[in-house]
Each structure stands twice: as C-alpha cells, then as structure tokens.
Amino acid sequence: VHCLKYGLTTHNILRVKMLTMDGELVTIG
C-alpha cells in the first residue's frame, strides 16, 4: 500500500546472493 511513494521491492534492495542451478554462489549488487 505504500509503494506509490517508496517503490517496489526492486527499489528497496541493495544486494542479493543467489545460487545458480549448477550450484554457483553469485553476489549481485
């Protein structure tokens, strides 16, 4: 309900760590 002023998730995250399907740990942001 407050996304009008403060944005969606994409506007409120700085970094994501994720695993690819082959198991590689990748840091984005």
PDB file of all heavy atoms in Angstrom:
ATOM      1  N   VAL A   1       0.804  -1.212   0.000  1.00  0.00           N
ATOM      2  CA  VAL A   1       0.000   0.000   0.000  1.00  0.00           C
ATOM      3  C   VAL A   1       0.844   1.272   0.000  1.00  0.00           C
ATOM      4  O   VAL A   1       0.337   2.358  -0.302  1.00  0.00           O
ATOM      5  CB  VAL A   1      -0.983   0.015   1.193  1.00  0.00           C
ATOM      6  CG1 VAL A   1      -1.948  -1.155   1.106  1.00  0.00           C
ATOM      7  CG2 VAL A   1      -0.249   0.002   2.525  1.00  0.00           C
ATOM      8  N   HIS A   2       2.120   1.179   0.343  1.00  0.00           N
ATOM      9  CA  HIS A   2       2.970   2.375   0.373  1.00  0.00           C
ATOM     10  C   HIS A   2       3.951   2.438  -0.802  1.00  0.00           C
ATOM     11  O   HIS A   2       4.939   3.179  -0.757  1.00  0.00           O
ATOM     12  CB  HIS A   2       3.732   2.438   1.701  1.00  0.00           C
ATOM     13  CG  HIS A   2       2.858   2.746   2.874  1.00  0.00           C
ATOM     14  ND1 HIS A   2       2.295   1.771   3.659  1.00  0.00           N
ATOM     15  CD2 HIS A   2       2.423   3.937   3.376  1.00  0.00           C
ATOM     16  CE1 HIS A   2       1.562   2.340   4.603  1.00  0.00           C
ATOM     17  NE2 HIS A   2       1.614   3.641   4.451  1.00  0.00           N
ATOM     18  N   CYS A   3       3.679   1.672  -1.860  1.00  0.00           N
ATOM     19  CA  CYS A   3       4.622   1.627  -2.978  1.00  0.00           C
ATOM     20  C   CYS A   3       4.593   2.899  -3.825  1.00  0.00           C
ATOM     21  O   CYS A   3       5.542   3.173  -4.558  1.00  0.00           O
ATOM     22  CB  CYS A   3       4.384   0.403  -3.838  1.00  0.00           C
ATOM     23  SG  CYS A   3       2.780   0.374  -4.674  1.00  0.00           S
ATOM     24  N   LEU A   4       3.516   3.682  -3.746  1.00  0.00           N
ATOM     25  CA  LEU A   4       3.437   4.903  -4.554  1.00  0.00           C
ATOM     26  C   LEU A   4       4.619   5.822  -4.269  1.00  0.00           C
ATOM     27  O   LEU A   4       5.274   6.327  -5.178  1.00  0.00           O
ATOM     28  CB  LEU A   4       2.117   5.634  -4.275  1.00  0.00           C
ATOM     29  CG  LEU A   4       1.957   7.013  -4.907  1.00  0.00           C
ATOM     30  CD1 LEU A   4       2.061   6.934  -6.428  1.00  0.00           C
ATOM     31  CD2 LEU A   4       0.635   7.649  -4.496  1.00  0.00           C
ATOM     32  N   LYS A   5       4.911   6.035  -2.997  1.00  0.00           N
ATOM     33  CA  LYS A   5       5.990   6.945  -2.611  1.00  0.00           C
ATOM     34  C   LYS A   5       7.330   6.235  -2.464  1.00  0.00           C
ATOM     35  O   LYS A   5       8.375   6.790  -2.806  1.00  0.00           O
ATOM     36  CB  LYS A   5       5.633   7.644  -1.297  1.00  0.00           C
ATOM     37  CG  LYS A   5       6.633   8.706  -0.853  1.00  0.00           C
ATOM     38  CD  LYS A   5       6.126   9.458   0.365  1.00  0.00           C
ATOM     39  CE  LYS A   5       7.074  10.575   0.780  1.00  0.00           C
ATOM     40  NZ  LYS A   5       6.552  11.341   1.950  1.00  0.00           N
ATOM     41  N   TYR A   6       7.303   4.992  -1.982  1.00  0.00           N
ATOM     42  CA  TYR A   6       8.549   4.334  -1.604  1.00  0.00           C
ATOM     43  C   TYR A   6       8.978   3.210  -2.532  1.00  0.00           C
ATOM     44  O   TYR A   6      10.040   2.630  -2.353  1.00  0.00           O
ATOM     45  CB  TYR A   6       8.440   3.824  -0.163  1.00  0.00           C
ATOM     46  CG  TYR A   6       8.289   4.956   0.817  1.00  0.00           C
ATOM     47  CD1 TYR A   6       7.080   5.177   1.473  1.00  0.00           C
ATOM     48  CD2 TYR A   6       9.337   5.837   1.059  1.00  0.00           C
ATOM     49  CE1 TYR A   6       6.927   6.232   2.360  1.00  0.00           C
ATOM     50  CE2 TYR A   6       9.205   6.894   1.940  1.00  0.00           C
ATOM     51  CZ  TYR A   6       7.995   7.083   2.590  1.00  0.00           C
ATOM     52  OH  TYR A   6       7.851   8.140   3.459  1.00  0.00           O
ATOM     53  N   GLY A   7       8.159   2.907  -3.527  1.00  0.00           N
ATOM     54  CA  GLY A   7       8.577   1.957  -4.547  1.00  0.00           C
ATOM     55  C   GLY A   7       8.318   0.502  -4.201  1.00  0.00           C
ATOM     56  O   GLY A   7       7.812   0.154  -3.130  1.00  0.00           O
ATOM     57  N   LEU A   8       8.670  -0.357  -5.162  1.00  0.00           N
ATOM     58  CA  LEU A   8       8.510  -1.800  -5.042  1.00  0.00           C
ATOM     59  C   LEU A   8       9.773  -2.408  -4.435  1.00  0.00           C
ATOM     60  O   LEU A   8      10.718  -1.695  -4.071  1.00  0.00           O
ATOM     61  CB  LEU A   8       8.232  -2.391  -6.420  1.00  0.00           C
ATOM     62  CG  LEU A   8       7.045  -1.792  -7.193  1.00  0.00           C
ATOM     63  CD1 LEU A   8       7.064  -2.269  -8.637  1.00  0.00           C
ATOM     64  CD2 LEU A   8       5.729  -2.159  -6.534  1.00  0.00           C
ATOM     65  N   THR A   9       9.805  -3.723  -4.362  1.00  0.00           N
ATOM     66  CA  THR A   9      10.980  -4.398  -3.805  1.00  0.00           C
ATOM     67  C   THR A   9      12.258  -3.997  -4.527  1.00  0.00           C
ATOM     68  O   THR A   9      13.293  -3.766  -3.892  1.00  0.00           O
ATOM     69  CB  THR A   9      10.793  -5.927  -3.887  1.00  0.00           C
ATOM     70  OG1 THR A   9       9.645  -6.301  -3.117  1.00  0.00           O
ATOM     71  CG2 THR A   9      12.006  -6.653  -3.339  1.00  0.00           C
ATOM     72  N   THR A  10      12.191  -3.898  -5.855  1.00  0.00           N
ATOM     73  CA  THR A  10      13.395  -3.573  -6.629  1.00  0.00           C
ATOM     74  C   THR A  10      14.022  -2.243  -6.224  1.00  0.00           C
ATOM     75  O   THR A  10      15.229  -2.048  -6.378  1.00  0.00           O
ATOM     76  CB  THR A  10      13.083  -3.571  -8.145  1.00  0.00           C
ATOM     77  OG1 THR A  10      14.295  -3.445  -8.878  1.00  0.00           O
ATOM     78  CG2 THR A  10      12.147  -2.432  -8.527  1.00  0.00           C
ATOM     79  N   HIS A  11      13.214  -1.319  -5.692  1.00  0.00           N
ATOM     80  CA  HIS A  11      13.730  -0.014  -5.267  1.00  0.00           C
ATOM     81  C   HIS A  11      14.250  -0.034  -3.831  1.00  0.00           C
ATOM     82  O   HIS A  11      14.781   0.972  -3.357  1.00  0.00           O
ATOM     83  CB  HIS A  11      12.623   1.036  -5.376  1.00  0.00           C
ATOM     84  CG  HIS A  11      11.996   1.117  -6.722  1.00  0.00           C
ATOM     85  ND1 HIS A  11      10.692   0.727  -6.970  1.00  0.00           N
ATOM     86  CD2 HIS A  11      12.502   1.507  -7.926  1.00  0.00           C
ATOM     87  CE1 HIS A  11      10.421   0.891  -8.252  1.00  0.00           C
ATOM     88  NE2 HIS A  11      11.493   1.356  -8.853  1.00  0.00           N
ATOM     89  N   ASN A  12      14.099  -1.166  -3.160  1.00  0.00           N
ATOM     90  CA  ASN A  12      14.412  -1.221  -1.733  1.00  0.00           C
ATOM     91  C   ASN A  12      15.370  -2.345  -1.358  1.00  0.00           C
ATOM     92  O   ASN A  12      15.472  -2.705  -0.183  1.00  0.00           O
ATOM     93  CB  ASN A  12      13.111  -1.370  -0.930  1.00  0.00           C
ATOM     94  CG  ASN A  12      12.274  -0.098  -0.942  1.00  0.00           C
ATOM     95  OD1 ASN A  12      12.501   0.818  -0.165  1.00  0.00           O
ATOM     96  ND2 ASN A  12      11.313  -0.042  -1.854  1.00  0.00           N
ATOM     97  N   ILE A  13      16.076  -2.887  -2.338  1.00  0.00           N
ATOM     98  CA  ILE A  13      17.116  -3.870  -2.055  1.00  0.00           C
ATOM     99  C   ILE A  13      18.442  -3.379  -2.625  1.00  0.00           C
ATOM    100  O   ILE A  13      18.478  -2.651  -3.624  1.00  0.00           O
ATOM    101  CB  ILE A  13      16.767  -5.261  -2.621  1.00  0.00           C
ATOM    102  CG1 ILE A  13      16.501  -5.208  -4.129  1.00  0.00           C
ATOM    103  CG2 ILE A  13      15.572  -5.843  -1.880  1.00  0.00           C
ATOM    104  CD1 ILE A  13      16.258  -6.583  -4.749  1.00  0.00           C
ATOM    105  N   LEU A  14      19.526  -3.756  -1.968  1.00  0.00           N
ATOM    106  CA  LEU A  14      20.865  -3.336  -2.374  1.00  0.00           C
ATOM    107  C   LEU A  14      21.691  -4.480  -2.958  1.00  0.00           C
ATOM    108  O   LEU A  14      22.498  -4.276  -3.853  1.00  0.00           O
ATOM    109  CB  LEU A  14      21.617  -2.747  -1.174  1.00  0.00           C
ATOM    110  CG  LEU A  14      21.095  -1.422  -0.624  1.00  0.00           C
ATOM    111  CD1 LEU A  14      21.739  -1.140   0.725  1.00  0.00           C
ATOM    112  CD2 LEU A  14      21.405  -0.294  -1.600  1.00  0.00           C
ATOM    113  N   ARG A  15      21.501  -5.659  -2.374  1.00  0.00           N
ATOM    114  CA  ARG A  15      22.340  -6.787  -2.794  1.00  0.00           C
ATOM    115  C   ARG A  15      21.571  -8.095  -2.622  1.00  0.00           C
ATOM    116  O   ARG A  15      20.781  -8.248  -1.688  1.00  0.00           O
ATOM    117  CB  ARG A  15      23.624  -6.833  -1.955  1.00  0.00           C
ATOM    118  CG  ARG A  15      24.661  -7.834  -2.437  1.00  0.00           C
ATOM    119  CD  ARG A  15      25.878  -7.862  -1.533  1.00  0.00           C
ATOM    120  NE  ARG A  15      25.614  -8.566  -0.277  1.00  0.00           N
ATOM    121  CZ  ARG A  15      26.486  -8.700   0.722  1.00  0.00           C
ATOM    122  NH1 ARG A  15      27.692  -8.149   0.608  1.00  0.00           N
ATOM    123  NH2 ARG A  15      26.160  -9.355   1.820  1.00  0.00           N
ATOM    124  N   VAL A  16      21.816  -9.017  -3.536  1.00  0.00           N
ATOM    125  CA  VAL A  16      21.236 -10.348  -3.459  1.00  0.00           C
ATOM    126  C   VAL A  16      22.341 -11.375  -3.671  1.00  0.00           C
ATOM    127  O   VAL A  16      23.170 -11.223  -4.568  1.00  0.00           O
ATOM    128  CB  VAL A  16      20.138 -10.549  -4.533  1.00  0.00           C
ATOM    129  CG1 VAL A  16      19.825 -12.020  -4.722  1.00  0.00           C
ATOM    130  CG2 VAL A  16      18.875  -9.787  -4.158  1.00  0.00           C
ATOM    131  N   LYS A  17      22.364 -12.396  -2.823  1.00  0.00           N
ATOM    132  CA  LYS A  17      23.209 -13.557  -3.070  1.00  0.00           C
ATOM    133  C   LYS A  17      22.297 -14.681  -3.531  1.00  0.00           C
ATOM    134  O   LYS A  17      21.268 -14.940  -2.906  1.00  0.00           O
ATOM    135  CB  LYS A  17      23.970 -13.971  -1.818  1.00  0.00           C
ATOM    136  CG  LYS A  17      25.085 -13.006  -1.431  1.00  0.00           C
ATOM    137  CD  LYS A  17      25.898 -13.549  -0.266  1.00  0.00           C
ATOM    138  CE  LYS A  17      27.040 -12.595   0.089  1.00  0.00           C
ATOM    139  NZ  LYS A  17      27.844 -13.127   1.231  1.00  0.00           N
ATOM    140  N   MET A  18      22.687 -15.321  -4.620  1.00  0.00           N
ATOM    141  CA  MET A  18      21.841 -16.389  -5.152  1.00  0.00           C
ATOM    142  C   MET A  18      22.690 -17.542  -5.646  1.00  0.00           C
ATOM    143  O   MET A  18      23.878 -17.386  -5.959  1.00  0.00           O
ATOM    144  CB  MET A  18      20.963 -15.865  -6.281  1.00  0.00           C
ATOM    145  CG  MET A  18      21.708 -15.581  -7.560  1.00  0.00           C
ATOM    146  SD  MET A  18      20.598 -15.279  -8.937  1.00  0.00           S
ATOM    147  CE  MET A  18      21.725 -15.498 -10.337  1.00  0.00           C
ATOM    148  N   LEU A  19      22.066 -18.710  -5.706  1.00  0.00           N
ATOM    149  CA  LEU A  19      22.700 -19.891  -6.269  1.00  0.00           C
ATOM    150  C   LEU A  19      22.140 -20.139  -7.658  1.00  0.00           C
ATOM    151  O   LEU A  19      20.924 -20.131  -7.857  1.00  0.00           O
ATOM    152  CB  LEU A  19      22.434 -21.109  -5.394  1.00  0.00           C
ATOM    153  CG  LEU A  19      23.162 -21.162  -4.049  1.00  0.00           C
ATOM    154  CD1 LEU A  19      22.618 -22.289  -3.194  1.00  0.00           C
ATOM    155  CD2 LEU A  19      24.657 -21.325  -4.250  1.00  0.00           C
ATOM    156  N   THR A  20      23.022 -20.345  -8.621  1.00  0.00           N
ATOM    157  CA  THR A  20      22.568 -20.761  -9.943  1.00  0.00           C
ATOM    158  C   THR A  20      22.213 -22.246  -9.890  1.00  0.00           C
ATOM    159  O   THR A  20      22.490 -22.935  -8.907  1.00  0.00           O
ATOM    160  CB  THR A  20      23.658 -20.526 -10.996  1.00  0.00           C
ATOM    161  OG1 THR A  20      24.808 -21.307 -10.645  1.00  0.00           O
ATOM    162  CG2 THR A  20      24.047 -19.053 -11.050  1.00  0.00           C
ATOM    163  N   MET A  21      21.612 -22.760 -10.950  1.00  0.00           N
ATOM    164  CA  MET A  21      21.166 -24.145 -10.958  1.00  0.00           C
ATOM    165  C   MET A  21      22.335 -25.119 -10.856  1.00  0.00           C
ATOM    166  O   MET A  21      22.173 -26.245 -10.384  1.00  0.00           O
ATOM    167  CB  MET A  21      20.335 -24.416 -12.216  1.00  0.00           C
ATOM    168  CG  MET A  21      19.659 -25.770 -12.239  1.00  0.00           C
ATOM    169  SD  MET A  21      18.524 -26.044 -10.861  1.00  0.00           S
ATOM    170  CE  MET A  21      18.663 -27.825 -10.645  1.00  0.00           C
ATOM    171  N   ASP A  22      23.522 -24.704 -11.259  1.00  0.00           N
ATOM    172  CA  ASP A  22      24.666 -25.611 -11.133  1.00  0.00           C
ATOM    173  C   ASP A  22      25.414 -25.422  -9.818  1.00  0.00           C
ATOM    174  O   ASP A  22      26.507 -25.962  -9.622  1.00  0.00           O
ATOM    175  CB  ASP A  22      25.618 -25.475 -12.323  1.00  0.00           C
ATOM    176  CG  ASP A  22      26.155 -24.060 -12.488  1.00  0.00           C
ATOM    177  OD1 ASP A  22      25.862 -23.203 -11.628  1.00  0.00           O
ATOM    178  OD2 ASP A  22      26.874 -23.814 -13.478  1.00  0.00           O
ATOM    179  N   GLY A  23      24.824 -24.627  -8.903  1.00  0.00           N
ATOM    180  CA  GLY A  23      25.368 -24.512  -7.553  1.00  0.00           C
ATOM    181  C   GLY A  23      26.362 -23.395  -7.335  1.00  0.00           C
ATOM    182  O   GLY A  23      26.948 -23.288  -6.247  1.00  0.00           O
ATOM    183  N   GLU A  24      26.561 -22.524  -8.312  1.00  0.00           N
ATOM    184  CA  GLU A  24      27.497 -21.406  -8.129  1.00  0.00           C
ATOM    185  C   GLU A  24      26.843 -20.317  -7.286  1.00  0.00           C
ATOM    186  O   GLU A  24      25.706 -19.922  -7.535  1.00  0.00           O
ATOM    187  CB  GLU A  24      27.904 -20.830  -9.482  1.00  0.00           C
ATOM    188  CG  GLU A  24      28.896 -19.677  -9.368  1.00  0.00           C
ATOM    189  CD  GLU A  24      29.246 -19.070 -10.708  1.00  0.00           C
ATOM    190  OE1 GLU A  24      28.714 -19.528 -11.736  1.00  0.00           O
ATOM    191  OE2 GLU A  24      30.049 -18.105 -10.731  1.00  0.00           O
ATOM    192  N   LEU A  25      27.564 -19.838  -6.280  1.00  0.00           N
ATOM    193  CA  LEU A  25      27.076 -18.746  -5.445  1.00  0.00           C
ATOM    194  C   LEU A  25      27.476 -17.422  -6.084  1.00  0.00           C
ATOM    195  O   LEU A  25      28.661 -17.143  -6.278  1.00  0.00           O
ATOM    196  CB  LEU A  25      27.653 -18.849  -4.034  1.00  0.00           C
ATOM    197  CG  LEU A  25      27.170 -17.800  -3.028  1.00  0.00           C
ATOM    198  CD1 LEU A  25      25.668 -17.899  -2.804  1.00  0.00           C
ATOM    199  CD2 LEU A  25      27.915 -17.935  -1.707  1.00  0.00           C
ATOM    200  N   VAL A  26      26.476 -16.608  -6.417  1.00  0.00           N
ATOM    201  CA  VAL A  26      26.699 -15.349  -7.135  1.00  0.00           C
ATOM    202  C   VAL A  26      26.201 -14.185  -6.283  1.00  0.00           C
ATOM    203  O   VAL A  26      25.121 -14.251  -5.699  1.00  0.00           O
ATOM    204  CB  VAL A  26      25.945 -15.357  -8.489  1.00  0.00           C
ATOM    205  CG1 VAL A  26      26.132 -14.034  -9.217  1.00  0.00           C
ATOM    206  CG2 VAL A  26      26.408 -16.524  -9.345  1.00  0.00           C
ATOM    207  N   THR A  27      27.009 -13.129  -6.202  1.00  0.00           N
ATOM    208  CA  THR A  27      26.600 -11.913  -5.497  1.00  0.00           C
ATOM    209  C   THR A  27      26.284 -10.836  -6.515  1.00  0.00           C
ATOM    210  O   THR A  27      27.105 -10.525  -7.386  1.00  0.00           O
ATOM    211  CB  THR A  27      27.714 -11.411  -4.559  1.00  0.00           C
ATOM    212  OG1 THR A  27      27.985 -12.421  -3.582  1.00  0.00           O
ATOM    213  CG2 THR A  27      27.281 -10.139  -3.837  1.00  0.00           C
ATOM    214  N   ILE A  28      25.075 -10.291  -6.418  1.00  0.00           N
ATOM    215  CA  ILE A  28      24.618  -9.259  -7.354  1.00  0.00           C
ATOM    216  C   ILE A  28      24.308  -7.996  -6.551  1.00  0.00           C
ATOM    217  O   ILE A  28      23.566  -8.033  -5.575  1.00  0.00           O
ATOM    218  CB  ILE A  28      23.371  -9.727  -8.108  1.00  0.00           C
ATOM    219  CG1 ILE A  28      23.705 -10.958  -8.962  1.00  0.00           C
ATOM    220  CG2 ILE A  28      22.803  -8.614  -8.990  1.00  0.00           C
ATOM    221  CD1 ILE A  28      22.508 -11.583  -9.635  1.00  0.00           C
ATOM    222  N   GLY A  29      24.871  -6.855  -6.977  1.00  0.00           N
ATOM    223  CA  GLY A  29      24.687  -5.616  -6.242  1.00  0.00           C
ATOM    224  C   GLY A  29      25.754  -5.459  -5.171  1.00  0.00           C
ATOM    225  O   GLY A  29      26.711  -6.232  -5.086  1.00  0.00           O
TER     226      GLY A  29
END
